[in-house]
Amino acid sequence: MKFLIDNAVSFKVADRLRKEGYDVIHVREVNLQKASDSEIFKFALKEERTIISADTDFSHFLFKWKKNKPSLILFRKGYHKPDVQAEILIKNLPFLKDKIEKGCVLIFEKERIRLRNLPI
């Protein structure tokens, strides 16, 4: 699995995932920190990377896109600390790998995990 972390998620999450062996790029590493969501979406498509964000705008792109890639992981409602976000990902990614690779929107909320297969 390959990931692209948006500005809405700390660089610390990228570092932690990298230490766990994941292929991760933060938008700052590829000079996309000031890019539009559309540009970030296109980069994720080109690089075949799952987007990790707290920005729900990417859901709108996926709705219009009508395809099963790229997958999207969103943090919502109470998951703002980078250490917590990294721990949640590390704990859950091995169990969700197949869904992410097939195409999905994965939403981590305080009391639940929501999963929606793509296309929406």
PDB file of N, CA and C in Angstrom:
ATOM      1  N   MET A   1       0.839  -1.178   0.000  1.00  0.00           N
ATOM      2  CA  MET A   1       0.000   0.000   0.000  1.00  0.00           C
ATOM      3  C   MET A   1       0.883   1.240   0.000  1.00  0.00           C
ATOM      4  N   LYS A   2       0.439   2.212  -0.781  1.00  0.00           N
ATOM      5  CA  LYS A   2       1.160   3.477  -0.878  1.00  0.00           C
ATOM      6  C   LYS A   2       0.203   4.585  -0.455  1.00  0.00           C
ATOM      7  N   PHE A   3       0.734   5.554   0.296  1.00  0.00           N
ATOM      8  CA  PHE A   3      -0.100   6.611   0.846  1.00  0.00           C
ATOM      9  C   PHE A   3       0.425   7.989   0.496  1.00  0.00           C
ATOM     10  N   LEU A   4      -0.516   8.929   0.366  1.00  0.00           N
ATOM     11  CA  LEU A   4      -0.221  10.346   0.218  1.00  0.00           C
ATOM     12  C   LEU A   4      -0.956  11.058   1.344  1.00  0.00           C
ATOM     13  N   ILE A   5      -0.198  11.727   2.205  1.00  0.00           N
ATOM     14  CA  ILE A   5      -0.800  12.412   3.342  1.00  0.00           C
ATOM     15  C   ILE A   5      -0.971  13.883   3.015  1.00  0.00           C
ATOM     16  N   ASP A   6      -2.191  14.344   3.173  1.00  0.00           N
ATOM     17  CA  ASP A   6      -2.575  15.720   2.893  1.00  0.00           C
ATOM     18  C   ASP A   6      -2.136  16.639   4.033  1.00  0.00           C
ATOM     19  N   ASN A   7      -2.135  17.955   3.766  1.00  0.00           N
ATOM     20  CA  ASN A   7      -1.771  18.954   4.775  1.00  0.00           C
ATOM     21  C   ASN A   7      -2.636  18.895   6.030  1.00  0.00           C
ATOM     22  N   ALA A   8      -3.841  18.386   5.910  1.00  0.00           N
ATOM     23  CA  ALA A   8      -4.745  18.322   7.060  1.00  0.00           C
ATOM     24  C   ALA A   8      -4.280  17.297   8.099  1.00  0.00           C
ATOM     25  N   VAL A   9      -3.265  16.523   7.766  1.00  0.00           N
ATOM     26  CA  VAL A   9      -2.693  15.520   8.674  1.00  0.00           C
ATOM     27  C   VAL A   9      -1.206  15.824   8.839  1.00  0.00           C
ATOM     28  N   SER A  10      -0.737  15.717  10.056  1.00  0.00           N
ATOM     29  CA  SER A  10       0.639  16.081  10.388  1.00  0.00           C
ATOM     30  C   SER A  10       1.685  15.214   9.680  1.00  0.00           C
ATOM     31  N   PHE A  11       2.822  15.844   9.417  1.00  0.00           N
ATOM     32  CA  PHE A  11       3.983  15.140   8.874  1.00  0.00           C
ATOM     33  C   PHE A  11       4.430  14.017   9.815  1.00  0.00           C
ATOM     34  N   LYS A  12       4.152  14.167  11.105  1.00  0.00           N
ATOM     35  CA  LYS A  12       4.522  13.147  12.102  1.00  0.00           C
ATOM     36  C   LYS A  12       3.870  11.803  11.793  1.00  0.00           C
ATOM     37  N   VAL A  13       2.680  11.836  11.228  1.00  0.00           N
ATOM     38  CA  VAL A  13       1.994  10.594  10.862  1.00  0.00           C
ATOM     39  C   VAL A  13       2.764   9.893   9.752  1.00  0.00           C
ATOM     40  N   ALA A  14       3.241  10.658   8.783  1.00  0.00           N
ATOM     41  CA  ALA A  14       4.044  10.079   7.695  1.00  0.00           C
ATOM     42  C   ALA A  14       5.301   9.428   8.255  1.00  0.00           C
ATOM     43  N   ASP A  15       5.977  10.130   9.151  1.00  0.00           N
ATOM     44  CA  ASP A  15       7.193   9.576   9.758  1.00  0.00           C
ATOM     45  C   ASP A  15       6.921   8.265  10.477  1.00  0.00           C
ATOM     46  N   ARG A  16       5.853   8.245  11.237  1.00  0.00           N
ATOM     47  CA  ARG A  16       5.537   7.045  12.014  1.00  0.00           C
ATOM     48  C   ARG A  16       5.178   5.866  11.110  1.00  0.00           C
ATOM     49  N   LEU A  17       4.385   6.116  10.087  1.00  0.00           N
ATOM     50  CA  LEU A  17       4.032   5.045   9.154  1.00  0.00           C
ATOM     51  C   LEU A  17       5.263   4.535   8.411  1.00  0.00           C
ATOM     52  N   ARG A  18       6.141   5.445   8.048  1.00  0.00           N
ATOM     53  CA  ARG A  18       7.381   5.058   7.370  1.00  0.00           C
ATOM     54  C   ARG A  18       8.211   4.128   8.249  1.00  0.00           C
ATOM     55  N   LYS A  19       8.276   4.442   9.540  1.00  0.00           N
ATOM     56  CA  LYS A  19       9.021   3.594  10.477  1.00  0.00           C
ATOM     57  C   LYS A  19       8.420   2.200  10.576  1.00  0.00           C
ATOM     58  N   GLU A  20       7.136   2.096  10.282  1.00  0.00           N
ATOM     59  CA  GLU A  20       6.460   0.797  10.302  1.00  0.00           C
ATOM     60  C   GLU A  20       6.576   0.070   8.963  1.00  0.00           C
ATOM     61  N   GLY A  21       7.261   0.688   8.002  1.00  0.00           N
ATOM     62  CA  GLY A  21       7.505   0.032   6.719  1.00  0.00           C
ATOM     63  C   GLY A  21       6.566   0.410   5.591  1.00  0.00           C
ATOM     64  N   TYR A  22       5.695   1.376   5.813  1.00  0.00           N
ATOM     65  CA  TYR A  22       4.762   1.784   4.765  1.00  0.00           C
ATOM     66  C   TYR A  22       5.416   2.788   3.811  1.00  0.00           C
ATOM     67  N   ASP A  23       4.970   2.773   2.570  1.00  0.00           N
ATOM     68  CA  ASP A  23       5.422   3.699   1.535  1.00  0.00           C
ATOM     69  C   ASP A  23       4.532   4.942   1.642  1.00  0.00           C
ATOM     70  N   VAL A  24       5.088   6.011   2.196  1.00  0.00           N
ATOM     71  CA  VAL A  24       4.304   7.206   2.512  1.00  0.00           C
ATOM     72  C   VAL A  24       4.995   8.464   1.988  1.00  0.00           C
ATOM     73  N   ILE A  25       4.198   9.342   1.413  1.00  0.00           N
ATOM     74  CA  ILE A  25       4.669  10.665   1.016  1.00  0.00           C
ATOM     75  C   ILE A  25       3.731  11.682   1.649  1.00  0.00           C
ATOM     76  N   HIS A  26       4.295  12.705   2.245  1.00  0.00           N
ATOM     77  CA  HIS A  26       3.492  13.839   2.710  1.00  0.00           C
ATOM     78  C   HIS A  26       3.530  14.883   1.604  1.00  0.00           C
ATOM     79  N   VAL A  27       2.444  15.622   1.422  1.00  0.00           N
ATOM     80  CA  VAL A  27       2.383  16.597   0.327  1.00  0.00           C
ATOM     81  C   VAL A  27       3.542  17.593   0.369  1.00  0.00           C
ATOM     82  N   ARG A  28       4.056  17.886   1.562  1.00  0.00           N
ATOM     83  CA  ARG A  28       5.190  18.818   1.671  1.00  0.00           C
ATOM     84  C   ARG A  28       6.441  18.276   0.994  1.00  0.00           C
ATOM     85  N   GLU A  29       6.577  16.951   0.949  1.00  0.00           N
ATOM     86  CA  GLU A  29       7.778  16.341   0.368  1.00  0.00           C
ATOM     87  C   GLU A  29       7.817  16.442  -1.148  1.00  0.00           C
ATOM     88  N   VAL A  30       6.679  16.704  -1.750  1.00  0.00           N
ATOM     89  CA  VAL A  30       6.609  16.807  -3.213  1.00  0.00           C
ATOM     90  C   VAL A  30       6.078  18.180  -3.643  1.00  0.00           C
ATOM     91  N   ASN A  31       6.283  19.167  -2.773  1.00  0.00           N
ATOM     92  CA  ASN A  31       5.900  20.551  -3.040  1.00  0.00           C
ATOM     93  C   ASN A  31       4.428  20.729  -3.406  1.00  0.00           C
ATOM     94  N   LEU A  32       3.562  19.961  -2.761  1.00  0.00           N
ATOM     95  CA  LEU A  32       2.125  20.100  -2.982  1.00  0.00           C
ATOM     96  C   LEU A  32       1.412  20.710  -1.775  1.00  0.00           C
ATOM     97  N   GLN A  33       2.176  21.263  -0.839  1.00  0.00           N
ATOM     98  CA  GLN A  33       1.568  21.807   0.371  1.00  0.00           C
ATOM     99  C   GLN A  33       0.629  22.982   0.087  1.00  0.00           C
ATOM    100  N   LYS A  34       0.825  23.664  -1.028  1.00  0.00           N
ATOM    101  CA  LYS A  34      -0.055  24.778  -1.398  1.00  0.00           C
ATOM    102  C   LYS A  34      -0.946  24.417  -2.580  1.00  0.00           C
ATOM    103  N   ALA A  35      -0.915  23.167  -2.977  1.00  0.00           N
ATOM    104  CA  ALA A  35      -1.688  22.717  -4.130  1.00  0.00           C
ATOM    105  C   ALA A  35      -3.171  22.628  -3.799  1.00  0.00           C
ATOM    106  N   SER A  36      -3.970  22.723  -4.825  1.00  0.00           N
ATOM    107  CA  SER A  36      -5.419  22.552  -4.648  1.00  0.00           C
ATOM    108  C   SER A  36      -5.713  21.078  -4.378  1.00  0.00           C
ATOM    109  N   ASP A  37      -6.895  20.830  -3.850  1.00  0.00           N
ATOM    110  CA  ASP A  37      -7.306  19.447  -3.620  1.00  0.00           C
ATOM    111  C   ASP A  37      -7.331  18.670  -4.935  1.00  0.00           C
ATOM    112  N   SER A  38      -7.699  19.344  -6.010  1.00  0.00           N
ATOM    113  CA  SER A  38      -7.734  18.715  -7.331  1.00  0.00           C
ATOM    114  C   SER A  38      -6.342  18.242  -7.756  1.00  0.00           C
ATOM    115  N   GLU A  39      -5.333  19.079  -7.530  1.00  0.00           N
ATOM    116  CA  GLU A  39      -3.964  18.702  -7.884  1.00  0.00           C
ATOM    117  C   GLU A  39      -3.480  17.525  -7.024  1.00  0.00           C
ATOM    118  N   ILE A  40      -3.817  17.557  -5.759  1.00  0.00           N
ATOM    119  CA  ILE A  40      -3.430  16.469  -4.856  1.00  0.00           C
ATOM    120  C   ILE A  40      -4.116  15.178  -5.278  1.00  0.00           C
ATOM    121  N   PHE A  41      -5.386  15.272  -5.642  1.00  0.00           N
ATOM    122  CA  PHE A  41      -6.146  14.112  -6.115  1.00  0.00           C
ATOM    123  C   PHE A  41      -5.494  13.518  -7.363  1.00  0.00           C
ATOM    124  N   LYS A  42      -5.117  14.370  -8.304  1.00  0.00           N
ATOM    125  CA  LYS A  42      -4.476  13.911  -9.546  1.00  0.00           C
ATOM    126  C   LYS A  42      -3.124  13.254  -9.265  1.00  0.00           C
ATOM    127  N   PHE A  43      -2.375  13.815  -8.326  1.00  0.00           N
ATOM    128  CA  PHE A  43      -1.091  13.223  -7.958  1.00  0.00           C
ATOM    129  C   PHE A  43      -1.297  11.836  -7.354  1.00  0.00           C
ATOM    130  N   ALA A  44      -2.280  11.709  -6.485  1.00  0.00           N
ATOM    131  CA  ALA A  44      -2.580  10.407  -5.871  1.00  0.00           C
ATOM    132  C   ALA A  44      -2.957   9.381  -6.934  1.00  0.00           C
ATOM    133  N   LEU A  45      -3.736   9.791  -7.900  1.00  0.00           N
ATOM    134  CA  LEU A  45      -4.102   8.894  -9.006  1.00  0.00           C
ATOM    135  C   LEU A  45      -2.878   8.442  -9.783  1.00  0.00           C
ATOM    136  N   LYS A  46      -2.062   9.402 -10.174  1.00  0.00           N
ATOM    137  CA  LYS A  46      -0.869   9.110 -10.970  1.00  0.00           C
ATOM    138  C   LYS A  46       0.077   8.163 -10.229  1.00  0.00           C
ATOM    139  N   GLU A  47       0.246   8.406  -8.946  1.00  0.00           N
ATOM    140  CA  GLU A  47       1.175   7.617  -8.130  1.00  0.00           C
ATOM    141  C   GLU A  47       0.535   6.362  -7.531  1.00  0.00           C
ATOM    142  N   GLU A  48      -0.770   6.192  -7.764  1.00  0.00           N
ATOM    143  CA  GLU A  48      -1.526   5.060  -7.206  1.00  0.00           C
ATOM    144  C   GLU A  48      -1.400   5.017  -5.685  1.00  0.00           C
ATOM    145  N   ARG A  49      -1.688   6.159  -5.054  1.00  0.00           N
ATOM    146  CA  ARG A  49      -1.578   6.295  -3.606  1.00  0.00           C
ATOM    147  C   ARG A  49      -2.950   6.544  -2.986  1.00  0.00           C
ATOM    148  N   THR A  50      -3.152   5.972  -1.832  1.00  0.00           N
ATOM    149  CA  THR A  50      -4.334   6.240  -1.026  1.00  0.00           C
ATOM    150  C   THR A  50      -4.125   7.577  -0.325  1.00  0.00           C
ATOM    151  N   ILE A  51      -5.128   8.434  -0.372  1.00  0.00           N
ATOM    152  CA  ILE A  51      -5.049   9.741   0.290  1.00  0.00           C
ATOM    153  C   ILE A  51      -5.438   9.583   1.760  1.00  0.00           C
ATOM    154  N   ILE A  52      -4.637  10.162   2.640  1.00  0.00           N
ATOM    155  CA  ILE A  52      -4.965  10.224   4.065  1.00  0.00           C
ATOM    156  C   ILE A  52      -5.170  11.695   4.394  1.00  0.00           C
ATOM    157  N   SER A  53      -6.350  12.028   4.928  1.00  0.00           N
ATOM    158  CA  SER A  53      -6.680  13.431   5.169  1.00  0.00           C
ATOM    159  C   SER A  53      -7.705  13.568   6.283  1.00  0.00           C
ATOM    160  N   ALA A  54      -7.961  14.809   6.657  1.00  0.00           N
ATOM    161  CA  ALA A  54      -9.081  15.158   7.529  1.00  0.00           C
ATOM    162  C   ALA A  54     -10.008  16.100   6.766  1.00  0.00           C
ATOM    163  N   ASP A  55      -9.747  16.265   5.484  1.00  0.00           N
ATOM    164  CA  ASP A  55     -10.483  17.173   4.612  1.00  0.00           C
ATOM    165  C   ASP A  55     -11.523  16.383   3.820  1.00  0.00           C
ATOM    166  N   THR A  56     -12.788  16.664   4.071  1.00  0.00           N
ATOM    167  CA  THR A  56     -13.860  15.908   3.416  1.00  0.00           C
ATOM    168  C   THR A  56     -14.039  16.260   1.940  1.00  0.00           C
ATOM    169  N   ASP A  57     -13.357  17.305   1.453  1.00  0.00           N
ATOM    170  CA  ASP A  57     -13.499  17.677   0.044  1.00  0.00           C
ATOM    171  C   ASP A  57     -13.106  16.553  -0.907  1.00  0.00           C
ATOM    172  N   PHE A  58     -12.191  15.691  -0.490  1.00  0.00           N
ATOM    173  CA  PHE A  58     -11.780  14.595  -1.362  1.00  0.00           C
ATOM    174  C   PHE A  58     -12.933  13.630  -1.628  1.00  0.00           C
ATOM    175  N   SER A  59     -13.863  13.532  -0.714  1.00  0.00           N
ATOM    176  CA  SER A  59     -15.046  12.686  -0.920  1.00  0.00           C
ATOM    177  C   SER A  59     -15.849  13.177  -2.114  1.00  0.00           C
ATOM    178  N   HIS A  60     -15.928  14.495  -2.281  1.00  0.00           N
ATOM    179  CA  HIS A  60     -16.668  15.068  -3.406  1.00  0.00           C
ATOM    180  C   HIS A  60     -16.011  14.701  -4.743  1.00  0.00           C
ATOM    181  N   PHE A  61     -14.690  14.707  -4.775  1.00  0.00           N
ATOM    182  CA  PHE A  61     -13.988  14.289  -5.997  1.00  0.00           C
ATOM    183  C   PHE A  61     -14.310  12.834  -6.323  1.00  0.00           C
ATOM    184  N   LEU A  62     -14.288  11.998  -5.303  1.00  0.00           N
ATOM    185  CA  LEU A  62     -14.564  10.578  -5.528  1.00  0.00           C
ATOM    186  C   LEU A  62     -15.994  10.353  -5.998  1.00  0.00           C
ATOM    187  N   PHE A  63     -16.925  11.123  -5.465  1.00  0.00           N
ATOM    188  CA  PHE A  63     -18.320  11.002  -5.890  1.00  0.00           C
ATOM    189  C   PHE A  63     -18.456  11.336  -7.375  1.00  0.00           C
ATOM    190  N   LYS A  64     -17.805  12.387  -7.815  1.00  0.00           N
ATOM    191  CA  LYS A  64     -17.859  12.790  -9.217  1.00  0.00           C
ATOM    192  C   LYS A  64     -17.048  11.852 -10.108  1.00  0.00           C
ATOM    193  N   TRP A  65     -15.982  11.295  -9.588  1.00  0.00           N
ATOM    194  CA  TRP A  65     -15.041  10.482 -10.335  1.00  0.00           C
ATOM    195  C   TRP A  65     -15.658   9.158 -10.773  1.00  0.00           C
ATOM    196  N   LYS A  66     -16.455   8.537  -9.913  1.00  0.00           N
ATOM    197  CA  LYS A  66     -17.176   7.293 -10.228  1.00  0.00           C
ATOM    198  C   LYS A  66     -16.252   6.113 -10.551  1.00  0.00           C
ATOM    199  N   LYS A  67     -15.075   6.098  -9.947  1.00  0.00           N
ATOM    200  CA  LYS A  67     -14.139   4.986 -10.143  1.00  0.00           C
ATOM    201  C   LYS A  67     -13.733   4.450  -8.778  1.00  0.00           C
ATOM    202  N   ASN A  68     -12.974   3.364  -8.778  1.00  0.00           N
ATOM    203  CA  ASN A  68     -12.623   2.739  -7.498  1.00  0.00           C
ATOM    204  C   ASN A  68     -11.254   3.154  -6.958  1.00  0.00           C
ATOM    205  N   LYS A  69     -10.612   4.119  -7.592  1.00  0.00           N
ATOM    206  CA  LYS A  69      -9.316   4.619  -7.110  1.00  0.00           C
ATOM    207  C   LYS A  69      -9.279   6.125  -7.230  1.00  0.00           C
ATOM    208  N   PRO A  70      -8.608   6.826  -6.399  1.00  0.00           N
ATOM    209  CA  PRO A  70      -7.819   6.347  -5.276  1.00  0.00           C
ATOM    210  C   PRO A  70      -8.692   6.135  -4.042  1.00  0.00           C
ATOM    211  N   SER A  71      -8.233   5.282  -3.155  1.00  0.00           N
ATOM    212  CA  SER A  71      -8.923   5.131  -1.876  1.00  0.00           C
ATOM    213  C   SER A  71      -8.650   6.366  -1.035  1.00  0.00           C
ATOM    214  N   LEU A  72      -9.499   6.558  -0.044  1.00  0.00           N
ATOM    215  CA  LEU A  72      -9.396   7.726   0.827  1.00  0.00           C
ATOM    216  C   LEU A  72      -9.574   7.294   2.273  1.00  0.00           C
ATOM    217  N   ILE A  73      -8.668   7.751   3.130  1.00  0.00           N
ATOM    218  CA  ILE A  73      -8.790   7.535   4.573  1.00  0.00           C
ATOM    219  C   ILE A  73      -8.984   8.909   5.210  1.00  0.00           C
ATOM    220  N   LEU A  74     -10.092   9.047   5.946  1.00  0.00           N
ATOM    221  CA  LEU A  74     -10.425  10.322   6.584  1.00  0.00           C
ATOM    222  C   LEU A  74     -10.434  10.180   8.105  1.00  0.00           C
ATOM    223  N   PHE A  75      -9.925  11.198   8.771  1.00  0.00           N
ATOM    224  CA  PHE A  75     -10.029  11.284  10.225  1.00  0.00           C
ATOM    225  C   PHE A  75     -11.080  12.330  10.558  1.00  0.00           C
ATOM    226  N   ARG A  76     -12.059  11.955  11.374  1.00  0.00           N
ATOM    227  CA  ARG A  76     -13.151  12.846  11.750  1.00  0.00           C
ATOM    228  C   ARG A  76     -13.378  12.788  13.256  1.00  0.00           C
ATOM    229  N   LYS A  77     -14.078  13.737  13.761  1.00  0.00           N
ATOM    230  CA  LYS A  77     -14.612  13.770  15.123  1.00  0.00           C
ATOM    231  C   LYS A  77     -13.671  13.257  16.210  1.00  0.00           C
ATOM    232  N   GLY A  78     -12.760  14.088  16.611  1.00  0.00           N
ATOM    233  CA  GLY A  78     -11.943  13.774  17.772  1.00  0.00           C
ATOM    234  C   GLY A  78     -10.582  13.164  17.505  1.00  0.00           C
ATOM    235  N   TYR A  79     -10.272  12.871  16.277  1.00  0.00           N
ATOM    236  CA  TYR A  79      -8.963  12.301  15.956  1.00  0.00           C
ATOM    237  C   TYR A  79      -8.070  13.361  15.331  1.00  0.00           C
ATOM    238  N   HIS A  80      -7.535  14.241  16.168  1.00  0.00           N
ATOM    239  CA  HIS A  80      -6.727  15.339  15.656  1.00  0.00           C
ATOM    240  C   HIS A  80      -5.255  15.231  16.039  1.00  0.00           C
ATOM    241  N   LYS A  81      -4.929  14.446  17.041  1.00  0.00           N
ATOM    242  CA  LYS A  81      -3.543  14.340  17.483  1.00  0.00           C
ATOM    243  C   LYS A  81      -2.786  13.358  16.594  1.00  0.00           C
ATOM    244  N   PRO A  82      -1.634  13.772  16.084  1.00  0.00           N
ATOM    245  CA  PRO A  82      -0.867  12.913  15.171  1.00  0.00           C
ATOM    246  C   PRO A  82      -0.512  11.545  15.759  1.00  0.00           C
ATOM    247  N   ASP A  83      -0.149  11.506  17.027  1.00  0.00           N
ATOM    248  CA  ASP A  83       0.198  10.220  17.639  1.00  0.00           C
ATOM    249  C   ASP A  83      -0.988   9.261  17.628  1.00  0.00           C
ATOM    250  N   VAL A  84      -2.164   9.790  17.901  1.00  0.00           N
ATOM    251  CA  VAL A  84      -3.380   8.966  17.906  1.00  0.00           C
ATOM    252  C   VAL A  84      -3.709   8.509  16.490  1.00  0.00           C
ATOM    253  N   GLN A  85      -3.606   9.419  15.526  1.00  0.00           N
ATOM    254  CA  GLN A  85      -3.875   9.054  14.133  1.00  0.00           C
ATOM    255  C   GLN A  85      -2.939   7.940  13.668  1.00  0.00           C
ATOM    256  N   ALA A  86      -1.661   8.082  13.981  1.00  0.00           N
ATOM    257  CA  ALA A  86      -0.686   7.071  13.566  1.00  0.00           C
ATOM    258  C   ALA A  86      -0.992   5.723  14.208  1.00  0.00           C
ATOM    259  N   GLU A  87      -1.308   5.724  15.485  1.00  0.00           N
ATOM    260  CA  GLU A  87      -1.618   4.467  16.179  1.00  0.00           C
ATOM    261  C   GLU A  87      -2.842   3.782  15.587  1.00  0.00           C
ATOM    262  N   ILE A  88      -3.858   4.565  15.283  1.00  0.00           N
ATOM    263  CA  ILE A  88      -5.076   4.008  14.697  1.00  0.00           C
ATOM    264  C   ILE A  88      -4.770   3.372  13.341  1.00  0.00           C
ATOM    265  N   LEU A  89      -3.983   4.056  12.530  1.00  0.00           N
ATOM    266  CA  LEU A  89      -3.624   3.504  11.226  1.00  0.00           C
ATOM    267  C   LEU A  89      -2.816   2.222  11.373  1.00  0.00           C
ATOM    268  N   ILE A  90      -1.801   2.258  12.203  1.00  0.00           N
ATOM    269  CA  ILE A  90      -0.939   1.086  12.386  1.00  0.00           C
ATOM    270  C   ILE A  90      -1.743  -0.112  12.887  1.00  0.00           C
ATOM    271  N   LYS A  91      -2.661   0.144  13.765  1.00  0.00           N
ATOM    272  CA  LYS A  91      -3.490  -0.924  14.336  1.00  0.00           C
ATOM    273  C   LYS A  91      -4.455  -1.518  13.303  1.00  0.00           C
ATOM    274  N   ASN A  92      -5.003  -0.676  12.427  1.00  0.00           N
ATOM    275  CA  ASN A  92      -6.086  -1.113  11.542  1.00  0.00           C
ATOM    276  C   ASN A  92      -5.697  -1.424  10.100  1.00  0.00           C
ATOM    277  N   LEU A  93      -4.616  -0.869   9.599  1.00  0.00           N
ATOM    278  CA  LEU A  93      -4.266  -1.067   8.191  1.00  0.00           C
ATOM    279  C   LEU A  93      -4.114  -2.527   7.788  1.00  0.00           C
ATOM    280  N   PRO A  94      -3.480  -3.365   8.606  1.00  0.00           N
ATOM    281  CA  PRO A  94      -3.352  -4.765   8.177  1.00  0.00           C
ATOM    282  C   PRO A  94      -4.694  -5.456   7.931  1.00  0.00           C
ATOM    283  N   PHE A  95      -5.727  -5.076   8.683  1.00  0.00           N
ATOM    284  CA  PHE A  95      -7.045  -5.697   8.543  1.00  0.00           C
ATOM    285  C   PHE A  95      -7.854  -5.093   7.402  1.00  0.00           C
ATOM    286  N   LEU A  96      -7.470  -3.905   6.971  1.00  0.00           N
ATOM    287  CA  LEU A  96      -8.229  -3.194   5.948  1.00  0.00           C
ATOM    288  C   LEU A  96      -7.527  -3.149   4.600  1.00  0.00           C
ATOM    289  N   LYS A  97      -6.385  -3.802   4.508  1.00  0.00           N
ATOM    290  CA  LYS A  97      -5.560  -3.761   3.298  1.00  0.00           C
ATOM    291  C   LYS A  97      -6.342  -4.141   2.042  1.00  0.00           C
ATOM    292  N   ASP A  98      -7.070  -5.237   2.073  1.00  0.00           N
ATOM    293  CA  ASP A  98      -7.806  -5.688   0.886  1.00  0.00           C
ATOM    294  C   ASP A  98      -8.835  -4.662   0.433  1.00  0.00           C
ATOM    295  N   LYS A  99      -9.558  -4.091   1.381  1.00  0.00           N
ATOM    296  CA  LYS A  99     -10.573  -3.084   1.045  1.00  0.00           C
ATOM    297  C   LYS A  99      -9.927  -1.841   0.426  1.00  0.00           C
ATOM    298  N   ILE A 100      -8.817  -1.400   1.022  1.00  0.00           N
ATOM    299  CA  ILE A 100      -8.118  -0.215   0.517  1.00  0.00           C
ATOM    300  C   ILE A 100      -7.596  -0.465  -0.888  1.00  0.00           C
ATOM    301  N   GLU A 101      -7.035  -1.638  -1.120  1.00  0.00           N
ATOM    302  CA  GLU A 101      -6.483  -1.952  -2.445  1.00  0.00           C
ATOM    303  C   GLU A 101      -7.569  -2.066  -3.510  1.00  0.00           C
ATOM    304  N   LYS A 102      -8.781  -2.493  -3.134  1.00  0.00           N
ATOM    305  CA  LYS A 102      -9.892  -2.586  -4.087  1.00  0.00           C
ATOM    306  C   LYS A 102     -10.530  -1.234  -4.345  1.00  0.00           C
ATOM    307  N   GLY A 103     -10.435  -0.329  -3.371  1.00  0.00           N
ATOM    308  CA  GLY A 103     -11.002   1.006  -3.500  1.00  0.00           C
ATOM    309  C   GLY A 103     -12.104   1.259  -2.492  1.00  0.00           C
ATOM    310  N   CYS A 104     -11.848   2.180  -1.568  1.00  0.00           N
ATOM    311  CA  CYS A 104     -12.853   2.497  -0.557  1.00  0.00           C
ATOM    312  C   CYS A 104     -12.601   3.875   0.047  1.00  0.00           C
ATOM    313  N   VAL A 105     -13.608   4.343   0.763  1.00  0.00           N
ATOM    314  CA  VAL A 105     -13.474   5.492   1.641  1.00  0.00           C
ATOM    315  C   VAL A 105     -13.570   4.927   3.046  1.00  0.00           C
ATOM    316  N   LEU A 106     -12.556   5.181   3.824  1.00  0.00           N
ATOM    317  CA  LEU A 106     -12.459   4.673   5.186  1.00  0.00           C
ATOM    318  C   LEU A 106     -12.465   5.876   6.120  1.00  0.00           C
ATOM    319  N   ILE A 107     -13.433   5.919   7.023  1.00  0.00           N
ATOM    320  CA  ILE A 107     -13.581   7.074   7.908  1.00  0.00           C
ATOM    321  C   ILE A 107     -13.405   6.621   9.353  1.00  0.00           C
ATOM    322  N   PHE A 108     -12.399   7.205   9.997  1.00  0.00           N
ATOM    323  CA  PHE A 108     -12.177   6.938  11.412  1.00  0.00           C
ATOM    324  C   PHE A 108     -12.868   8.031  12.213  1.00  0.00           C
ATOM    325  N   GLU A 109     -13.876   7.637  12.963  1.00  0.00           N
ATOM    326  CA  GLU A 109     -14.575   8.537  13.858  1.00  0.00           C
ATOM    327  C   GLU A 109     -14.305   8.089  15.286  1.00  0.00           C
ATOM    328  N   LYS A 110     -14.638   8.920  16.237  1.00  0.00           N
ATOM    329  CA  LYS A 110     -14.309   8.626  17.631  1.00  0.00           C
ATOM    330  C   LYS A 110     -14.870   7.283  18.105  1.00  0.00           C
ATOM    331  N   GLU A 111     -16.067   6.960  17.705  1.00  0.00           N
ATOM    332  CA  GLU A 111     -16.706   5.753  18.235  1.00  0.00           C
ATOM    333  C   GLU A 111     -16.882   4.642  17.214  1.00  0.00           C
ATOM    334  N   ARG A 112     -16.425   4.856  15.987  1.00  0.00           N
ATOM    335  CA  ARG A 112     -16.613   3.810  14.981  1.00  0.00           C
ATOM    336  C   ARG A 112     -15.713   4.040  13.771  1.00  0.00           C
ATOM    337  N   ILE A 113     -15.648   2.990  12.952  1.00  0.00           N
ATOM    338  CA  ILE A 113     -14.974   3.063  11.665  1.00  0.00           C
ATOM    339  C   ILE A 113     -16.034   2.838  10.617  1.00  0.00           C
ATOM    340  N   ARG A 114     -16.135   3.745   9.668  1.00  0.00           N
ATOM    341  CA  ARG A 114     -17.080   3.576   8.576  1.00  0.00           C
ATOM    342  C   ARG A 114     -16.316   3.235   7.304  1.00  0.00           C
ATOM    343  N   LEU A 115     -16.887   2.362   6.519  1.00  0.00           N
ATOM    344  CA  LEU A 115     -16.247   1.929   5.285  1.00  0.00           C
ATOM    345  C   LEU A 115     -17.272   1.961   4.168  1.00  0.00           C
ATOM    346  N   ARG A 116     -16.899   2.585   3.073  1.00  0.00           N
ATOM    347  CA  ARG A 116     -17.764   2.614   1.905  1.00  0.00           C
ATOM    348  C   ARG A 116     -16.929   2.225   0.699  1.00  0.00           C
ATOM    349  N   ASN A 117     -17.342   1.192  -0.001  1.00  0.00           N
ATOM    350  CA  ASN A 117     -16.628   0.754  -1.189  1.00  0.00           C
ATOM    351  C   ASN A 117     -16.817   1.759  -2.318  1.00  0.00           C
ATOM    352  N   LEU A 118     -15.772   1.890  -3.132  1.00  0.00           N
ATOM    353  CA  LEU A 118     -15.845   2.743  -4.309  1.00  0.00           C
ATOM    354  C   LEU A 118     -16.228   1.911  -5.522  1.00  0.00           C
ATOM    355  N   PRO A 119     -16.845   2.488  -6.518  1.00  0.00           N
ATOM    356  CA  PRO A 119     -17.252   3.884  -6.602  1.00  0.00           C
ATOM    357  C   PRO A 119     -18.468   4.168  -5.725  1.00  0.00           C
ATOM    358  N   ILE A 120     -18.590   5.447  -5.352  1.00  0.00           N
ATOM    359  CA  ILE A 120     -19.723   5.868  -4.521  1.00  0.00           C
ATOM    360  C   ILE A 120     -20.907   6.092  -5.428  1.00  0.00           C
TER     361      ILE A 120
END
